[in-house]
């Protein structure tokens, strides 16, 4: 027909399928990138791989593991007691981890 535009490769169902595929790929990428930060995603990955939380967080260096457990535990306690805000938590945790990794370098 003269008034109707020509069909393109992404008309109708193909366009919807392509959009759905892109959206699903973006969702999978977001989950993968945030797997350590989102608790239910981390738990699902640990369950699927059969690991425990202790195995997943082990660095291979017992001194570093002990330091991280103490320092990050202290930061968790500060958050629970209301001494720091939720927005400060990640910075405090990062500093505690950095301190421990400086004192006891991780085993490679």
Protein backbone atom coordinates (compact mmCIF):
# COMPACT_ATOMS: atom_id res chain seq x y z
CA UNK A 1 0.00 0.00 0.00
CA UNK A 2 1.24 3.49 -0.76
CA UNK A 3 0.47 5.07 2.68
CA UNK A 4 1.89 2.21 4.75
CA UNK A 5 5.60 2.19 5.70
CA UNK A 6 7.71 -0.76 4.63
CA UNK A 7 8.18 -3.62 7.10
CA UNK A 8 11.46 -3.64 8.96
CA UNK A 9 13.31 -6.49 10.62
CA UNK A 10 12.06 -5.52 14.09
CA UNK A 11 8.31 -5.32 13.57
CA UNK A 12 5.75 -6.89 15.89
CA UNK A 13 6.78 -10.03 17.73
CA UNK A 14 10.44 -9.80 16.82
CA UNK A 15 10.67 -6.33 18.40
CA UNK A 16 8.97 -7.51 21.57
CA UNK A 17 11.20 -10.57 21.79
CA UNK A 18 14.32 -8.45 21.26
CA UNK A 19 13.23 -5.96 23.94
CA UNK A 20 12.49 -8.81 26.37
CA UNK A 21 15.87 -10.42 25.68
CA UNK A 22 17.68 -7.12 26.29
CA UNK A 23 15.73 -6.54 29.52
CA UNK A 24 16.51 -10.05 30.79
CA UNK A 25 20.19 -9.67 29.91
CA UNK A 26 20.30 -6.36 31.80
CA UNK A 27 18.61 -7.97 34.83
CA UNK A 28 21.08 -10.87 34.84
CA UNK A 29 23.99 -8.43 34.56
CA UNK A 30 22.66 -6.33 37.47
CA UNK A 31 22.26 -9.43 39.64
CA UNK A 32 25.74 -10.68 38.75
CA UNK A 33 27.41 -7.33 39.45
CA UNK A 34 25.59 -6.94 42.77
CA UNK A 35 25.93 -10.55 43.89
CA UNK A 36 28.11 -9.63 46.90
CA UNK A 37 26.00 -6.65 47.97
CA UNK A 38 22.46 -8.05 47.79
CA UNK A 39 21.90 -10.50 50.67
CA UNK A 40 19.26 -12.72 49.04
CA UNK A 41 21.31 -13.01 45.83
CA UNK A 42 24.44 -13.90 47.83
CA UNK A 43 22.48 -16.51 49.80
CA UNK A 44 21.03 -18.00 46.60
CA UNK A 45 24.47 -18.25 44.99
CA UNK A 46 25.97 -19.85 48.12
CA UNK A 47 23.10 -22.33 48.28
CA UNK A 48 23.43 -23.20 44.59
CA UNK A 49 27.18 -23.78 44.90
CA UNK A 50 26.92 -25.65 48.21
CA UNK A 51 29.23 -23.26 50.06
CA UNK A 52 28.78 -21.91 53.55
CA UNK A 53 29.19 -18.22 54.40
CA UNK A 54 32.47 -18.99 56.18
CA UNK A 55 33.91 -20.79 53.14
CA UNK A 56 32.88 -17.96 50.83
CA UNK A 57 34.50 -15.30 53.00
CA UNK A 58 37.69 -17.25 53.77
CA UNK A 59 40.80 -15.62 52.34
CA UNK A 60 43.19 -18.51 52.91
CA UNK A 61 45.08 -16.51 55.55
CA UNK A 62 43.87 -17.33 59.09
CA UNK A 63 45.30 -14.12 60.58
CA UNK A 64 43.51 -12.03 57.95
CA UNK A 65 40.28 -13.97 58.48
CA UNK A 66 40.45 -13.35 62.23
CA UNK A 67 41.20 -9.65 61.74
CA UNK A 68 38.34 -9.25 59.26
CA UNK A 69 35.94 -11.08 61.58
CA UNK A 70 36.85 -8.80 64.48
CA UNK A 71 37.00 -5.48 62.61
CA UNK A 72 33.93 -6.05 60.44
CA UNK A 73 32.15 -7.43 63.51
CA UNK A 74 32.97 -4.19 65.32
CA UNK A 75 31.54 -2.18 62.43
CA UNK A 76 28.39 -4.34 62.45
CA UNK A 77 28.08 -3.68 66.19
CA UNK A 78 28.43 0.08 65.66
CA UNK A 79 25.62 -0.07 63.11
CA UNK A 80 23.41 -2.17 65.39
CA UNK A 81 23.95 0.25 68.29
CA UNK A 82 23.15 3.24 66.11
CA UNK A 83 26.62 4.75 66.42
CA UNK A 84 26.93 4.94 62.63
CA UNK A 85 24.28 5.38 59.96
CA UNK A 86 23.41 2.85 57.26
CA UNK A 87 24.88 5.24 54.69
CA UNK A 88 28.24 5.16 56.54
CA UNK A 89 28.34 1.38 56.91
CA UNK A 90 29.97 0.51 53.59
CA UNK A 91 32.72 3.11 54.04
CA UNK A 92 33.50 1.87 57.56
CA UNK A 93 33.47 -1.75 56.40
CA UNK A 94 35.76 -0.92 53.47
CA UNK A 95 38.21 0.86 55.81
CA UNK A 96 38.21 -2.07 58.23
CA UNK A 97 38.88 -4.52 55.39
CA UNK A 98 41.64 -2.31 54.01
CA UNK A 99 43.28 -2.09 57.43
CA UNK A 100 43.27 -5.87 57.85
CA UNK A 101 44.55 -6.49 54.32
CA UNK A 102 47.40 -4.07 54.98
CA UNK A 103 48.34 -5.82 58.23
CA UNK A 104 47.91 -9.37 56.88
CA UNK A 105 48.12 -9.52 53.06
CA UNK A 106 45.76 -12.10 51.56
CA UNK A 107 47.22 -15.37 50.28
CA UNK A 108 47.18 -15.62 46.50
